[in-house]
Amino acid sequence: MSNTTKNVRPVAGAAEPLDAIDERLLAALVADARISNKQLAELVGIAPSTALMRTRALSERGIIEGFEAKLSLAAVGRSVQALIAVRLRAHDREQIDRFTARVPKLPAVLSTFHTSGSVDYLLHIAVATTEDLRDWVLDNLATDPVVGHTETTLVFDHIQGNHGPLPD
């Protein structure tokens, strides 16, 4: 298949481009990752064995990175969310490696973004109370000699965007 074939979309870093069936499989899985293989096959219009084979191939190619359960943070006692901008004191490899080895693994951290611009990292965390948020920042960032500055922003509502559907 060439990249110029109609209904075939090249994927950066992928050896093979996505075809229309791959795209329909991905869209269905993004909409409902718990869909059964039989339902997936029916929705896409292919045999169940083909759906299974193609889904496995998409995983092996690294296009599907995994499946996960999405929890209600409030239901598990972590209703206070915050975005914390972090600037490191220095930008040497040792300090960057130390920070990225420790902070993303802390239980409150939902996501860690290594960014450009005026901040080095943006952390998305969830804790039970605003007091826990204050203590978390003090215990994990303010006392860390690698961290030069933090700025905390409370999240009032996290409105989910798309979870990976392909562009039109």
C-alpha atoms as a PDB file:
ATOM      1  CA  MET A   1       0.000   0.000   0.000  1.00  0.00           C
ATOM      2  CA  SER A   2       1.325   3.404  -0.826  1.00  0.00           C
ATOM      3  CA  ASN A   3       0.708   6.522   1.225  1.00  0.00           C
ATOM      4  CA  THR A   4      -1.050   8.045  -1.746  1.00  0.00           C
ATOM      5  CA  THR A   5      -3.799   5.388  -1.752  1.00  0.00           C
ATOM      6  CA  LYS A   6      -7.215   6.874  -1.042  1.00  0.00           C
ATOM      7  CA  ASN A   7      -8.522   6.311   2.525  1.00  0.00           C
ATOM      8  CA  VAL A   8      -5.081   5.501   3.889  1.00  0.00           C
ATOM      9  CA  ARG A   9      -3.616   7.845   6.477  1.00  0.00           C
ATOM     10  CA  PRO A  10       0.144   7.791   7.189  1.00  0.00           C
ATOM     11  CA  VAL A  11       0.975   7.748  10.884  1.00  0.00           C
ATOM     12  CA  ALA A  12       4.153   9.443  12.081  1.00  0.00           C
ATOM     13  CA  GLY A  13       6.565   6.805  13.350  1.00  0.00           C
ATOM     14  CA  ALA A  14       4.427   3.909  12.119  1.00  0.00           C
ATOM     15  CA  ALA A  15       5.721   1.552   9.434  1.00  0.00           C
ATOM     16  CA  GLU A  16       2.307   1.138   7.835  1.00  0.00           C
ATOM     17  CA  PRO A  17      -0.352   3.781   7.300  1.00  0.00           C
ATOM     18  CA  LEU A  18      -3.810   3.418   8.836  1.00  0.00           C
ATOM     19  CA  ASP A  19      -6.577   2.332   6.507  1.00  0.00           C
ATOM     20  CA  ALA A  20     -10.309   2.986   6.880  1.00  0.00           C
ATOM     21  CA  ILE A  21     -10.851  -0.219   8.894  1.00  0.00           C
ATOM     22  CA  ASP A  22      -8.050   0.679  11.315  1.00  0.00           C
ATOM     23  CA  GLU A  23      -9.578   4.118  11.749  1.00  0.00           C
ATOM     24  CA  ARG A  24     -13.042   2.671  12.448  1.00  0.00           C
ATOM     25  CA  LEU A  25     -11.560   0.199  14.947  1.00  0.00           C
ATOM     26  CA  LEU A  26      -9.716   2.990  16.734  1.00  0.00           C
ATOM     27  CA  ALA A  27     -12.749   5.277  16.808  1.00  0.00           C
ATOM     28  CA  ALA A  28     -14.894   2.481  18.282  1.00  0.00           C
ATOM     29  CA  LEU A  29     -12.279   1.604  20.909  1.00  0.00           C
ATOM     30  CA  VAL A  30     -11.811   5.253  21.890  1.00  0.00           C
ATOM     31  CA  ALA A  31     -15.581   5.573  22.302  1.00  0.00           C
ATOM     32  CA  ASP A  32     -15.800   2.376  24.391  1.00  0.00           C
ATOM     33  CA  ALA A  33     -12.627   0.482  25.280  1.00  0.00           C
ATOM     34  CA  ARG A  34     -14.707  -2.225  26.985  1.00  0.00           C
ATOM     35  CA  ILE A  35     -16.590  -3.153  23.836  1.00  0.00           C
ATOM     36  CA  SER A  36     -16.521  -6.902  23.197  1.00  0.00           C
ATOM     37  CA  ASN A  37     -14.608  -8.146  20.181  1.00  0.00           C
ATOM     38  CA  LYS A  38     -17.869  -9.444  18.691  1.00  0.00           C
ATOM     39  CA  GLN A  39     -19.539  -6.031  19.076  1.00  0.00           C
ATOM     40  CA  LEU A  40     -16.439  -4.307  17.703  1.00  0.00           C
ATOM     41  CA  ALA A  41     -16.445  -6.539  14.636  1.00  0.00           C
ATOM     42  CA  GLU A  42     -20.165  -5.926  14.032  1.00  0.00           C
ATOM     43  CA  LEU A  43     -19.753  -2.160  14.436  1.00  0.00           C
ATOM     44  CA  VAL A  44     -16.845  -2.013  11.983  1.00  0.00           C
ATOM     45  CA  GLY A  45     -18.327  -4.565   9.576  1.00  0.00           C
ATOM     46  CA  ILE A  46     -15.612  -7.224   9.714  1.00  0.00           C
ATOM     47  CA  ALA A  47     -15.288 -10.764  11.050  1.00  0.00           C
ATOM     48  CA  PRO A  48     -14.505 -11.152  14.786  1.00  0.00           C
ATOM     49  CA  SER A  49     -11.216 -12.896  13.958  1.00  0.00           C
ATOM     50  CA  THR A  50     -10.239  -9.944  11.751  1.00  0.00           C
ATOM     51  CA  ALA A  51     -11.177  -7.450  14.479  1.00  0.00           C
ATOM     52  CA  LEU A  52      -9.069  -9.332  16.999  1.00  0.00           C
ATOM     53  CA  MET A  53      -6.110  -9.657  14.620  1.00  0.00           C
ATOM     54  CA  ARG A  54      -6.227  -5.988  13.606  1.00  0.00           C
ATOM     55  CA  THR A  55      -6.619  -4.743  17.196  1.00  0.00           C
ATOM     56  CA  ARG A  56      -3.610  -6.816  18.238  1.00  0.00           C
ATOM     57  CA  ALA A  57      -1.641  -5.462  15.279  1.00  0.00           C
ATOM     58  CA  LEU A  58      -2.538  -1.874  16.252  1.00  0.00           C
ATOM     59  CA  SER A  59      -1.238  -2.609  19.761  1.00  0.00           C
ATOM     60  CA  GLU A  60       1.941  -4.230  18.459  1.00  0.00           C
ATOM     61  CA  ARG A  61       2.560  -1.225  16.188  1.00  0.00           C
ATOM     62  CA  GLY A  62       2.301   1.057  19.231  1.00  0.00           C
ATOM     63  CA  ILE A  63      -0.796   2.870  17.968  1.00  0.00           C
ATOM     64  CA  ILE A  64      -2.907   1.497  20.823  1.00  0.00           C
ATOM     65  CA  GLU A  65      -0.845   2.070  23.944  1.00  0.00           C
ATOM     66  CA  GLY A  66      -3.199   0.366  26.374  1.00  0.00           C
ATOM     67  CA  PHE A  67      -6.596   0.227  28.020  1.00  0.00           C
ATOM     68  CA  GLU A  68      -7.361   1.619  31.453  1.00  0.00           C
ATOM     69  CA  ALA A  69     -10.146   2.161  33.962  1.00  0.00           C
ATOM     70  CA  LYS A  70     -11.126   5.790  34.503  1.00  0.00           C
ATOM     71  CA  LEU A  71     -12.025   6.462  38.131  1.00  0.00           C
ATOM     72  CA  SER A  72     -14.205   9.157  39.627  1.00  0.00           C
ATOM     73  CA  LEU A  73     -11.706  11.100  41.711  1.00  0.00           C
ATOM     74  CA  ALA A  74     -14.457  12.376  44.009  1.00  0.00           C
ATOM     75  CA  ALA A  75     -15.714   8.820  44.591  1.00  0.00           C
ATOM     76  CA  VAL A  76     -12.247   7.703  45.723  1.00  0.00           C
ATOM     77  CA  GLY A  77     -11.771  10.697  48.031  1.00  0.00           C
ATOM     78  CA  ARG A  78      -9.592  12.874  45.787  1.00  0.00           C
ATOM     79  CA  SER A  79     -11.979  15.658  44.805  1.00  0.00           C
ATOM     80  CA  VAL A  80      -9.478  18.542  44.990  1.00  0.00           C
ATOM     81  CA  GLN A  81      -7.523  18.827  41.757  1.00  0.00           C
ATOM     82  CA  ALA A  82      -4.764  21.291  40.973  1.00  0.00           C
ATOM     83  CA  LEU A  83      -2.333  22.185  38.231  1.00  0.00           C
ATOM     84  CA  ILE A  84       1.087  23.033  39.593  1.00  0.00           C
ATOM     85  CA  ALA A  85       3.606  24.878  37.458  1.00  0.00           C
ATOM     86  CA  VAL A  86       7.165  23.986  38.492  1.00  0.00           C
ATOM     87  CA  ARG A  87      10.381  25.783  37.617  1.00  0.00           C
ATOM     88  CA  LEU A  88      13.634  24.024  38.449  1.00  0.00           C
ATOM     89  CA  ARG A  89      16.564  25.927  39.968  1.00  0.00           C
ATOM     90  CA  ALA A  90      18.986  24.745  37.314  1.00  0.00           C
ATOM     91  CA  HIS A  91      18.622  22.919  34.049  1.00  0.00           C
ATOM     92  CA  ASP A  92      21.288  20.273  34.225  1.00  0.00           C
ATOM     93  CA  ARG A  93      20.634  16.650  33.367  1.00  0.00           C
ATOM     94  CA  GLU A  94      21.140  15.443  36.938  1.00  0.00           C
ATOM     95  CA  GLN A  95      18.441  17.704  38.378  1.00  0.00           C
ATOM     96  CA  ILE A  96      16.013  17.009  35.547  1.00  0.00           C
ATOM     97  CA  ASP A  97      16.546  13.250  35.924  1.00  0.00           C
ATOM     98  CA  ARG A  98      16.127  13.466  39.705  1.00  0.00           C
ATOM     99  CA  PHE A  99      12.858  15.369  39.392  1.00  0.00           C
ATOM    100  CA  THR A 100      11.396  13.166  36.640  1.00  0.00           C
ATOM    101  CA  ALA A 101      12.378   9.984  38.475  1.00  0.00           C
ATOM    102  CA  ARG A 102      10.635  11.000  41.707  1.00  0.00           C
ATOM    103  CA  VAL A 103       7.691  13.329  41.194  1.00  0.00           C
ATOM    104  CA  PRO A 104       5.580  11.524  38.535  1.00  0.00           C
ATOM    105  CA  LYS A 105       5.523   8.422  40.765  1.00  0.00           C
ATOM    106  CA  LEU A 106       4.010  10.222  43.762  1.00  0.00           C
ATOM    107  CA  PRO A 107       0.484   8.897  44.451  1.00  0.00           C
ATOM    108  CA  ALA A 108      -1.302  12.258  44.047  1.00  0.00           C
ATOM    109  CA  VAL A 109       0.159  12.916  40.594  1.00  0.00           C
ATOM    110  CA  LEU A 110      -2.236  12.183  37.726  1.00  0.00           C
ATOM    111  CA  SER A 111      -0.086  13.590  34.909  1.00  0.00           C
ATOM    112  CA  THR A 112       3.302  15.222  34.479  1.00  0.00           C
ATOM    113  CA  PHE A 113       4.047  17.426  31.494  1.00  0.00           C
ATOM    114  CA  HIS A 114       7.621  18.484  30.693  1.00  0.00           C
ATOM    115  CA  THR A 115       7.069  21.848  29.017  1.00  0.00           C
ATOM    116  CA  SER A 116       8.838  24.702  27.304  1.00  0.00           C
ATOM    117  CA  GLY A 117       8.400  28.345  28.163  1.00  0.00           C
ATOM    118  CA  SER A 118       8.426  29.961  31.594  1.00  0.00           C
ATOM    119  CA  VAL A 119       7.857  26.706  33.510  1.00  0.00           C
ATOM    120  CA  ASP A 120       9.631  23.390  33.239  1.00  0.00           C
ATOM    121  CA  TYR A 121       6.863  21.064  34.381  1.00  0.00           C
ATOM    122  CA  LEU A 122       3.130  21.148  34.791  1.00  0.00           C
ATOM    123  CA  LEU A 123       1.717  18.653  37.285  1.00  0.00           C
ATOM    124  CA  HIS A 124      -1.926  17.601  37.489  1.00  0.00           C
ATOM    125  CA  ILE A 125      -2.613  16.271  40.969  1.00  0.00           C
ATOM    126  CA  ALA A 126      -5.650  15.172  42.967  1.00  0.00           C
ATOM    127  CA  VAL A 127      -5.935  15.099  46.752  1.00  0.00           C
ATOM    128  CA  ALA A 128      -8.737  14.971  49.320  1.00  0.00           C
ATOM    129  CA  THR A 129      -8.701  18.529  50.715  1.00  0.00           C
ATOM    130  CA  THR A 130      -7.128  21.929  50.188  1.00  0.00           C
ATOM    131  CA  GLU A 131      -5.088  21.297  53.350  1.00  0.00           C
ATOM    132  CA  ASP A 132      -3.766  18.119  51.735  1.00  0.00           C
ATOM    133  CA  LEU A 133      -2.911  20.164  48.643  1.00  0.00           C
ATOM    134  CA  ARG A 134      -0.959  22.686  50.714  1.00  0.00           C
ATOM    135  CA  ASP A 135       0.862  19.902  52.566  1.00  0.00           C
ATOM    136  CA  TRP A 136       1.594  18.058  49.314  1.00  0.00           C
ATOM    137  CA  VAL A 137       3.193  21.143  47.768  1.00  0.00           C
ATOM    138  CA  LEU A 138       5.207  21.825  50.916  1.00  0.00           C
ATOM    139  CA  ASP A 139       6.326  18.221  51.417  1.00  0.00           C
ATOM    140  CA  ASN A 140       7.056  17.324  47.814  1.00  0.00           C
ATOM    141  CA  LEU A 141       8.027  20.524  46.023  1.00  0.00           C
ATOM    142  CA  ALA A 142       8.847  23.435  48.339  1.00  0.00           C
ATOM    143  CA  THR A 143      11.365  21.344  50.291  1.00  0.00           C
ATOM    144  CA  ASP A 144      12.967  19.832  47.188  1.00  0.00           C
ATOM    145  CA  PRO A 145      16.324  21.543  46.529  1.00  0.00           C
ATOM    146  CA  VAL A 146      15.860  20.987  42.769  1.00  0.00           C
ATOM    147  CA  VAL A 147      12.663  23.081  42.688  1.00  0.00           C
ATOM    148  CA  GLY A 148      13.084  26.832  42.338  1.00  0.00           C
ATOM    149  CA  HIS A 149       9.458  27.996  42.098  1.00  0.00           C
ATOM    150  CA  THR A 150       5.924  26.649  42.039  1.00  0.00           C
ATOM    151  CA  GLU A 151       2.558  28.142  41.226  1.00  0.00           C
ATOM    152  CA  THR A 152      -0.608  26.251  42.107  1.00  0.00           C
ATOM    153  CA  THR A 153      -3.921  26.663  40.304  1.00  0.00           C
ATOM    154  CA  LEU A 154      -7.085  24.970  41.596  1.00  0.00           C
ATOM    155  CA  VAL A 155      -9.140  23.039  39.075  1.00  0.00           C
ATOM    156  CA  PHE A 156     -12.864  23.775  39.415  1.00  0.00           C
ATOM    157  CA  ASP A 157     -13.905  21.305  36.743  1.00  0.00           C
ATOM    158  CA  HIS A 158     -11.977  18.936  34.485  1.00  0.00           C
ATOM    159  CA  ILE A 159     -13.821  18.757  31.177  1.00  0.00           C
ATOM    160  CA  GLN A 160     -12.545  15.822  29.196  1.00  0.00           C
ATOM    161  CA  GLY A 161     -11.558  16.337  25.601  1.00  0.00           C
ATOM    162  CA  ASN A 162     -10.980  13.707  22.971  1.00  0.00           C
ATOM    163  CA  HIS A 163      -9.026  10.636  23.969  1.00  0.00           C
ATOM    164  CA  GLY A 164      -7.210  10.040  20.766  1.00  0.00           C
ATOM    165  CA  PRO A 165      -9.679   9.940  17.887  1.00  0.00           C
ATOM    166  CA  LEU A 166      -8.165  10.601  14.544  1.00  0.00           C
ATOM    167  CA  PRO A 167      -8.587  14.013  12.954  1.00  0.00           C
ATOM    168  CA  ASP A 168     -11.140  14.280  10.164  1.00  0.00           C
END
